[in-house]
Amino acid sequence: MSEKKSVRPAEAAALLGVCRDTVYVLMRSGRLGEELRTVMELLGHSTIRMTADTYGHVLPARARQAASAIDRTLGQEGTA
């Protein structure tokens, strides 16, 4: 018979946080590329700003790619 292992509230909260972070990254990056509003609703945030403020640091490479794309579009790549 296996024993149930109890999980402390702090451990459960940390695991939940990791799960939420993972959902954000999977939804916003790669093939899914979901809109921020969709992710906001799935995570249960009340505003897009809350989602952006909470997870804005998670995908900095994506922000750099977007800035490079804008530079290329404007013909200014490598001038900044």
PDB file of N, CA and C in Angstrom:
ATOM      1  N   MET A   1       0.835  -1.164   0.000  1.00  0.00           N
ATOM      2  CA  MET A   1       0.000   0.000   0.000  1.00  0.00           C
ATOM      3  C   MET A   1       0.893   1.245   0.000  1.00  0.00           C
ATOM      4  N   SER A   2       0.579   2.213  -0.830  1.00  0.00           N
ATOM      5  CA  SER A   2       1.404   3.415  -0.879  1.00  0.00           C
ATOM      6  C   SER A   2       0.870   4.473   0.079  1.00  0.00           C
ATOM      7  N   GLU A   3       1.800   5.207   0.636  1.00  0.00           N
ATOM      8  CA  GLU A   3       1.421   6.286   1.552  1.00  0.00           C
ATOM      9  C   GLU A   3       1.254   7.579   0.766  1.00  0.00           C
ATOM     10  N   LYS A   4       0.272   8.354   1.173  1.00  0.00           N
ATOM     11  CA  LYS A   4       0.098   9.671   0.558  1.00  0.00           C
ATOM     12  C   LYS A   4       1.125  10.621   1.138  1.00  0.00           C
ATOM     13  N   LYS A   5       1.759  11.367   0.256  1.00  0.00           N
ATOM     14  CA  LYS A   5       2.723  12.352   0.708  1.00  0.00           C
ATOM     15  C   LYS A   5       2.011  13.699   0.761  1.00  0.00           C
ATOM     16  N   SER A   6       2.072  14.337   1.906  1.00  0.00           N
ATOM     17  CA  SER A   6       1.416  15.631   2.022  1.00  0.00           C
ATOM     18  C   SER A   6       2.313  16.716   1.420  1.00  0.00           C
ATOM     19  N   VAL A   7       1.676  17.677   0.815  1.00  0.00           N
ATOM     20  CA  VAL A   7       2.387  18.795   0.195  1.00  0.00           C
ATOM     21  C   VAL A   7       2.088  20.045   1.008  1.00  0.00           C
ATOM     22  N   ARG A   8       3.142  20.729   1.358  1.00  0.00           N
ATOM     23  CA  ARG A   8       2.968  21.964   2.123  1.00  0.00           C
ATOM     24  C   ARG A   8       2.374  23.056   1.234  1.00  0.00           C
ATOM     25  N   PRO A   9       1.605  23.974   1.807  1.00  0.00           N
ATOM     26  CA  PRO A   9       0.985  25.036   1.020  1.00  0.00           C
ATOM     27  C   PRO A   9       1.989  25.841   0.187  1.00  0.00           C
ATOM     28  N   ALA A  10       3.151  26.123   0.744  1.00  0.00           N
ATOM     29  CA  ALA A  10       4.159  26.894   0.004  1.00  0.00           C
ATOM     30  C   ALA A  10       4.637  26.123  -1.221  1.00  0.00           C
ATOM     31  N   GLU A  11       4.804  24.817  -1.074  1.00  0.00           N
ATOM     32  CA  GLU A  11       5.227  23.990  -2.214  1.00  0.00           C
ATOM     33  C   GLU A  11       4.142  23.948  -3.281  1.00  0.00           C
ATOM     34  N   ALA A  12       2.912  23.820  -2.850  1.00  0.00           N
ATOM     35  CA  ALA A  12       1.791  23.795  -3.790  1.00  0.00           C
ATOM     36  C   ALA A  12       1.686  25.118  -4.538  1.00  0.00           C
ATOM     37  N   ALA A  13       1.865  26.221  -3.831  1.00  0.00           N
ATOM     38  CA  ALA A  13       1.802  27.540  -4.465  1.00  0.00           C
ATOM     39  C   ALA A  13       2.931  27.715  -5.479  1.00  0.00           C
ATOM     40  N   ALA A  14       4.116  27.249  -5.131  1.00  0.00           N
ATOM     41  CA  ALA A  14       5.256  27.355  -6.048  1.00  0.00           C
ATOM     42  C   ALA A  14       5.008  26.522  -7.301  1.00  0.00           C
ATOM     43  N   LEU A  15       4.477  25.329  -7.131  1.00  0.00           N
ATOM     44  CA  LEU A  15       4.182  24.466  -8.275  1.00  0.00           C
ATOM     45  C   LEU A  15       3.115  25.091  -9.159  1.00  0.00           C
ATOM     46  N   LEU A  16       2.102  25.651  -8.551  1.00  0.00           N
ATOM     47  CA  LEU A  16       1.058  26.327  -9.318  1.00  0.00           C
ATOM     48  C   LEU A  16       1.641  27.488 -10.114  1.00  0.00           C
ATOM     49  N   GLY A  17       2.548  28.239  -9.506  1.00  0.00           N
ATOM     50  CA  GLY A  17       3.195  29.347 -10.203  1.00  0.00           C
ATOM     51  C   GLY A  17       3.984  28.876 -11.412  1.00  0.00           C
ATOM     52  N   VAL A  18       4.707  27.786 -11.263  1.00  0.00           N
ATOM     53  CA  VAL A  18       5.473  27.226 -12.377  1.00  0.00           C
ATOM     54  C   VAL A  18       4.528  26.778 -13.491  1.00  0.00           C
ATOM     55  N   CYS A  19       3.421  26.177 -13.124  1.00  0.00           N
ATOM     56  CA  CYS A  19       2.438  25.746 -14.122  1.00  0.00           C
ATOM     57  C   CYS A  19       1.872  26.934 -14.890  1.00  0.00           C
ATOM     58  N   ARG A  20       1.563  28.009 -14.188  1.00  0.00           N
ATOM     59  CA  ARG A  20       1.025  29.201 -14.836  1.00  0.00           C
ATOM     60  C   ARG A  20       2.057  29.810 -15.768  1.00  0.00           C
ATOM     61  N   ASP A  21       3.310  29.868 -15.335  1.00  0.00           N
ATOM     62  CA  ASP A  21       4.382  30.396 -16.186  1.00  0.00           C
ATOM     63  C   ASP A  21       4.515  29.558 -17.450  1.00  0.00           C
ATOM     64  N   THR A  22       4.435  28.251 -17.288  1.00  0.00           N
ATOM     65  CA  THR A  22       4.551  27.342 -18.426  1.00  0.00           C
ATOM     66  C   THR A  22       3.408  27.549 -19.406  1.00  0.00           C
ATOM     67  N   VAL A  23       2.203  27.697 -18.895  1.00  0.00           N
ATOM     68  CA  VAL A  23       1.050  27.960 -19.763  1.00  0.00           C
ATOM     69  C   VAL A  23       1.281  29.241 -20.553  1.00  0.00           C
ATOM     70  N   TYR A  24       1.758  30.282 -19.882  1.00  0.00           N
ATOM     71  CA  TYR A  24       1.998  31.550 -20.571  1.00  0.00           C
ATOM     72  C   TYR A  24       2.991  31.365 -21.714  1.00  0.00           C
ATOM     73  N   VAL A  25       4.131  30.750 -21.420  1.00  0.00           N
ATOM     74  CA  VAL A  25       5.176  30.591 -22.431  1.00  0.00           C
ATOM     75  C   VAL A  25       4.668  29.750 -23.605  1.00  0.00           C
ATOM     76  N   LEU A  26       3.984  28.659 -23.321  1.00  0.00           N
ATOM     77  CA  LEU A  26       3.480  27.811 -24.392  1.00  0.00           C
ATOM     78  C   LEU A  26       2.437  28.528 -25.247  1.00  0.00           C
ATOM     79  N   MET A  27       1.596  29.310 -24.609  1.00  0.00           N
ATOM     80  CA  MET A  27       0.539  29.997 -25.349  1.00  0.00           C
ATOM     81  C   MET A  27       1.056  31.166 -26.185  1.00  0.00           C
ATOM     82  N   ARG A  28       2.082  31.857 -25.705  1.00  0.00           N
ATOM     83  CA  ARG A  28       2.556  33.061 -26.388  1.00  0.00           C
ATOM     84  C   ARG A  28       3.676  32.809 -27.385  1.00  0.00           C
ATOM     85  N   SER A  29       4.387  31.705 -27.265  1.00  0.00           N
ATOM     86  CA  SER A  29       5.531  31.491 -28.133  1.00  0.00           C
ATOM     87  C   SER A  29       5.270  30.360 -29.115  1.00  0.00           C
ATOM     88  N   GLY A  30       6.180  30.201 -30.022  1.00  0.00           N
ATOM     89  CA  GLY A  30       6.130  29.072 -30.941  1.00  0.00           C
ATOM     90  C   GLY A  30       4.919  29.071 -31.850  1.00  0.00           C
ATOM     91  N   ARG A  31       4.419  27.897 -32.098  1.00  0.00           N
ATOM     92  CA  ARG A  31       3.326  27.732 -33.055  1.00  0.00           C
ATOM     93  C   ARG A  31       2.010  28.305 -32.569  1.00  0.00           C
ATOM     94  N   LEU A  32       1.790  28.309 -31.267  1.00  0.00           N
ATOM     95  CA  LEU A  32       0.509  28.789 -30.755  1.00  0.00           C
ATOM     96  C   LEU A  32       0.372  30.292 -30.931  1.00  0.00           C
ATOM     97  N   GLY A  33       1.330  31.043 -30.421  1.00  0.00           N
ATOM     98  CA  GLY A  33       1.332  32.490 -30.582  1.00  0.00           C
ATOM     99  C   GLY A  33       0.003  33.156 -30.285  1.00  0.00           C
ATOM    100  N   GLU A  34      -0.651  32.723 -29.242  1.00  0.00           N
ATOM    101  CA  GLU A  34      -1.977  33.264 -28.904  1.00  0.00           C
ATOM    102  C   GLU A  34      -1.912  34.743 -28.553  1.00  0.00           C
ATOM    103  N   GLU A  35      -2.994  35.413 -28.796  1.00  0.00           N
ATOM    104  CA  GLU A  35      -3.117  36.822 -28.429  1.00  0.00           C
ATOM    105  C   GLU A  35      -3.051  36.954 -26.910  1.00  0.00           C
ATOM    106  N   LEU A  36      -2.532  38.075 -26.455  1.00  0.00           N
ATOM    107  CA  LEU A  36      -2.387  38.308 -25.025  1.00  0.00           C
ATOM    108  C   LEU A  36      -3.745  38.260 -24.318  1.00  0.00           C
ATOM    109  N   ARG A  37      -4.788  38.733 -24.977  1.00  0.00           N
ATOM    110  CA  ARG A  37      -6.124  38.724 -24.354  1.00  0.00           C
ATOM    111  C   ARG A  37      -6.588  37.281 -24.089  1.00  0.00           C
ATOM    112  N   THR A  38      -6.333  36.384 -25.020  1.00  0.00           N
ATOM    113  CA  THR A  38      -6.709  34.982 -24.836  1.00  0.00           C
ATOM    114  C   THR A  38      -5.980  34.387 -23.646  1.00  0.00           C
ATOM    115  N   VAL A  39      -4.685  34.662 -23.566  1.00  0.00           N
ATOM    116  CA  VAL A  39      -3.889  34.150 -22.451  1.00  0.00           C
ATOM    117  C   VAL A  39      -4.378  34.750 -21.140  1.00  0.00           C
ATOM    118  N   MET A  40      -4.698  36.046 -21.158  1.00  0.00           N
ATOM    119  CA  MET A  40      -5.228  36.713 -19.968  1.00  0.00           C
ATOM    120  C   MET A  40      -6.467  35.985 -19.448  1.00  0.00           C
ATOM    121  N   GLU A  41      -7.369  35.662 -20.359  1.00  0.00           N
ATOM    122  CA  GLU A  41      -8.601  34.986 -19.959  1.00  0.00           C
ATOM    123  C   GLU A  41      -8.331  33.588 -19.422  1.00  0.00           C
ATOM    124  N   LEU A  42      -7.431  32.861 -20.062  1.00  0.00           N
ATOM    125  CA  LEU A  42      -7.117  31.502 -19.608  1.00  0.00           C
ATOM    126  C   LEU A  42      -6.452  31.494 -18.238  1.00  0.00           C
ATOM    127  N   LEU A  43      -5.638  32.503 -17.958  1.00  0.00           N
ATOM    128  CA  LEU A  43      -4.959  32.578 -16.665  1.00  0.00           C
ATOM    129  C   LEU A  43      -5.828  33.205 -15.584  1.00  0.00           C
ATOM    130  N   GLY A  44      -6.983  33.724 -15.979  1.00  0.00           N
ATOM    131  CA  GLY A  44      -7.903  34.296 -15.003  1.00  0.00           C
ATOM    132  C   GLY A  44      -7.530  35.691 -14.529  1.00  0.00           C
ATOM    133  N   HIS A  45      -6.718  36.396 -15.318  1.00  0.00           N
ATOM    134  CA  HIS A  45      -6.362  37.766 -14.948  1.00  0.00           C
ATOM    135  C   HIS A  45      -7.517  38.705 -15.283  1.00  0.00           C
ATOM    136  N   SER A  46      -7.630  39.774 -14.522  1.00  0.00           N
ATOM    137  CA  SER A  46      -8.732  40.705 -14.745  1.00  0.00           C
ATOM    138  C   SER A  46      -8.432  41.709 -15.855  1.00  0.00           C
ATOM    139  N   THR A  47      -7.165  41.934 -16.160  1.00  0.00           N
ATOM    140  CA  THR A  47      -6.794  42.898 -17.209  1.00  0.00           C
ATOM    141  C   THR A  47      -5.599  42.378 -18.005  1.00  0.00           C
ATOM    142  N   ILE A  48      -5.475  42.858 -19.229  1.00  0.00           N
ATOM    143  CA  ILE A  48      -4.307  42.531 -20.049  1.00  0.00           C
ATOM    144  C   ILE A  48      -3.056  43.102 -19.396  1.00  0.00           C
ATOM    145  N   ARG A  49      -3.189  44.257 -18.804  1.00  0.00           N
ATOM    146  CA  ARG A  49      -2.032  44.872 -18.147  1.00  0.00           C
ATOM    147  C   ARG A  49      -1.458  43.962 -17.053  1.00  0.00           C
ATOM    148  N   MET A  50      -2.349  43.318 -16.292  1.00  0.00           N
ATOM    149  CA  MET A  50      -1.879  42.407 -15.246  1.00  0.00           C
ATOM    150  C   MET A  50      -1.053  41.274 -15.861  1.00  0.00           C
ATOM    151  N   THR A  51      -1.536  40.729 -16.967  1.00  0.00           N
ATOM    152  CA  THR A  51      -0.816  39.649 -17.639  1.00  0.00           C
ATOM    153  C   THR A  51       0.522  40.147 -18.170  1.00  0.00           C
ATOM    154  N   ALA A  52       0.509  41.290 -18.819  1.00  0.00           N
ATOM    155  CA  ALA A  52       1.739  41.844 -19.392  1.00  0.00           C
ATOM    156  C   ALA A  52       2.743  42.200 -18.300  1.00  0.00           C
ATOM    157  N   ASP A  53       2.259  42.798 -17.224  1.00  0.00           N
ATOM    158  CA  ASP A  53       3.161  43.158 -16.122  1.00  0.00           C
ATOM    159  C   ASP A  53       3.732  41.921 -15.435  1.00  0.00           C
ATOM    160  N   THR A  54       2.933  40.871 -15.333  1.00  0.00           N
ATOM    161  CA  THR A  54       3.363  39.657 -14.651  1.00  0.00           C
ATOM    162  C   THR A  54       4.355  38.853 -15.494  1.00  0.00           C
ATOM    163  N   TYR A  55       4.125  38.791 -16.799  1.00  0.00           N
ATOM    164  CA  TYR A  55       4.911  37.896 -17.649  1.00  0.00           C
ATOM    165  C   TYR A  55       5.746  38.614 -18.710  1.00  0.00           C
ATOM    166  N   GLY A  56       5.771  39.917 -18.691  1.00  0.00           N
ATOM    167  CA  GLY A  56       6.512  40.663 -19.707  1.00  0.00           C
ATOM    168  C   GLY A  56       7.986  40.319 -19.781  1.00  0.00           C
ATOM    169  N   HIS A  57       8.550  39.886 -18.680  1.00  0.00           N
ATOM    170  CA  HIS A  57       9.975  39.548 -18.635  1.00  0.00           C
ATOM    171  C   HIS A  57      10.274  38.148 -19.157  1.00  0.00           C
ATOM    172  N   VAL A  58       9.241  37.342 -19.367  1.00  0.00           N
ATOM    173  CA  VAL A  58       9.443  35.925 -19.654  1.00  0.00           C
ATOM    174  C   VAL A  58      10.014  35.682 -21.050  1.00  0.00           C
ATOM    175  N   LEU A  59       9.632  36.474 -22.020  1.00  0.00           N
ATOM    176  CA  LEU A  59      10.070  36.252 -23.393  1.00  0.00           C
ATOM    177  C   LEU A  59      10.840  37.452 -23.958  1.00  0.00           C
ATOM    178  N   PRO A  60      11.947  37.855 -23.342  1.00  0.00           N
ATOM    179  CA  PRO A  60      12.679  39.020 -23.843  1.00  0.00           C
ATOM    180  C   PRO A  60      13.230  38.819 -25.253  1.00  0.00           C
ATOM    181  N   ALA A  61      13.572  37.592 -25.609  1.00  0.00           N
ATOM    182  CA  ALA A  61      14.077  37.335 -26.958  1.00  0.00           C
ATOM    183  C   ALA A  61      13.001  37.654 -27.994  1.00  0.00           C
ATOM    184  N   ARG A  62      11.758  37.362 -27.655  1.00  0.00           N
ATOM    185  CA  ARG A  62      10.655  37.675 -28.575  1.00  0.00           C
ATOM    186  C   ARG A  62      10.533  39.184 -28.764  1.00  0.00           C
ATOM    187  N   ALA A  63      10.746  39.944 -27.710  1.00  0.00           N
ATOM    188  CA  ALA A  63      10.705  41.404 -27.816  1.00  0.00           C
ATOM    189  C   ALA A  63      11.838  41.900 -28.716  1.00  0.00           C
ATOM    190  N   ARG A  64      13.021  41.310 -28.571  1.00  0.00           N
ATOM    191  CA  ARG A  64      14.145  41.703 -29.433  1.00  0.00           C
ATOM    192  C   ARG A  64      13.852  41.362 -30.890  1.00  0.00           C
ATOM    193  N   GLN A  65      13.232  40.210 -31.139  1.00  0.00           N
ATOM    194  CA  GLN A  65      12.878  39.829 -32.500  1.00  0.00           C
ATOM    195  C   GLN A  65      11.884  40.814 -33.099  1.00  0.00           C
ATOM    196  N   ALA A  66      10.917  41.235 -32.300  1.00  0.00           N
ATOM    197  CA  ALA A  66       9.928  42.200 -32.781  1.00  0.00           C
ATOM    198  C   ALA A  66      10.594  43.532 -33.112  1.00  0.00           C
ATOM    199  N   ALA A  67      11.499  43.975 -32.257  1.00  0.00           N
ATOM    200  CA  ALA A  67      12.207  45.233 -32.512  1.00  0.00           C
ATOM    201  C   ALA A  67      13.043  45.129 -33.780  1.00  0.00           C
ATOM    202  N   SER A  68      13.695  43.994 -33.993  1.00  0.00           N
ATOM    203  CA  SER A  68      14.491  43.793 -35.214  1.00  0.00           C
ATOM    204  C   SER A  68      13.601  43.802 -36.449  1.00  0.00           C
ATOM    205  N   ALA A  69      12.432  43.190 -36.351  1.00  0.00           N
ATOM    206  CA  ALA A  69      11.503  43.171 -37.482  1.00  0.00           C
ATOM    207  C   ALA A  69      11.047  44.589 -37.831  1.00  0.00           C
ATOM    208  N   ILE A  70      10.797  45.390 -36.816  1.00  0.00           N
ATOM    209  CA  ILE A  70      10.408  46.786 -37.063  1.00  0.00           C
ATOM    210  C   ILE A  70      11.559  47.530 -37.720  1.00  0.00           C
ATOM    211  N   ASP A  71      12.765  47.337 -37.220  1.00  0.00           N
ATOM    212  CA  ASP A  71      13.940  47.979 -37.823  1.00  0.00           C
ATOM    213  C   ASP A  71      14.090  47.593 -39.292  1.00  0.00           C
ATOM    214  N   ARG A  72      13.922  46.293 -39.590  1.00  0.00           N
ATOM    215  CA  ARG A  72      14.044  45.841 -40.985  1.00  0.00           C
ATOM    216  C   ARG A  72      12.968  46.488 -41.846  1.00  0.00           C
ATOM    217  N   THR A  73      11.759  46.538 -41.314  1.00  0.00           N
ATOM    218  CA  THR A  73      10.647  47.131 -42.060  1.00  0.00           C
ATOM    219  C   THR A  73      10.923  48.601 -42.366  1.00  0.00           C
ATOM    220  N   LEU A  74      11.505  49.293 -41.425  1.00  0.00           N
ATOM    221  CA  LEU A  74      11.803  50.715 -41.610  1.00  0.00           C
ATOM    222  C   LEU A  74      13.135  50.945 -42.299  1.00  0.00           C
ATOM    223  N   GLY A  75      13.855  49.865 -42.613  1.00  0.00           N
ATOM    224  CA  GLY A  75      15.133  49.983 -43.303  1.00  0.00           C
ATOM    225  C   GLY A  75      16.236  50.543 -42.440  1.00  0.00           C
ATOM    226  N   GLN A  76      16.159  50.312 -41.128  1.00  0.00           N
ATOM    227  CA  GLN A  76      17.123  50.903 -40.213  1.00  0.00           C
ATOM    228  C   GLN A  76      17.873  49.849 -39.422  1.00  0.00           C
ATOM    229  N   GLU A  77      17.951  48.633 -39.915  1.00  0.00           N
ATOM    230  CA  GLU A  77      18.585  47.560 -39.167  1.00  0.00           C
ATOM    231  C   GLU A  77      20.049  47.893 -38.904  1.00  0.00           C
ATOM    232  N   GLY A  78      20.461  47.734 -37.655  1.00  0.00           N
ATOM    233  CA  GLY A  78      21.841  47.929 -37.285  1.00  0.00           C
ATOM    234  C   GLY A  78      22.263  49.377 -37.062  1.00  0.00           C
ATOM    235  N   THR A  79      21.295  50.310 -37.084  1.00  0.00           N
ATOM    236  CA  THR A  79      21.654  51.712 -36.889  1.00  0.00           C
ATOM    237  C   THR A  79      21.447  52.164 -35.458  1.00  0.00           C
ATOM    238  N   ALA A  80      20.806  51.341 -34.640  1.00  0.00           N
ATOM    239  CA  ALA A  80      20.543  51.738 -33.253  1.00  0.00           C
ATOM    240  C   ALA A  80      21.731  51.475 -32.368  1.00  0.00           C
TER     241      ALA A  80
END
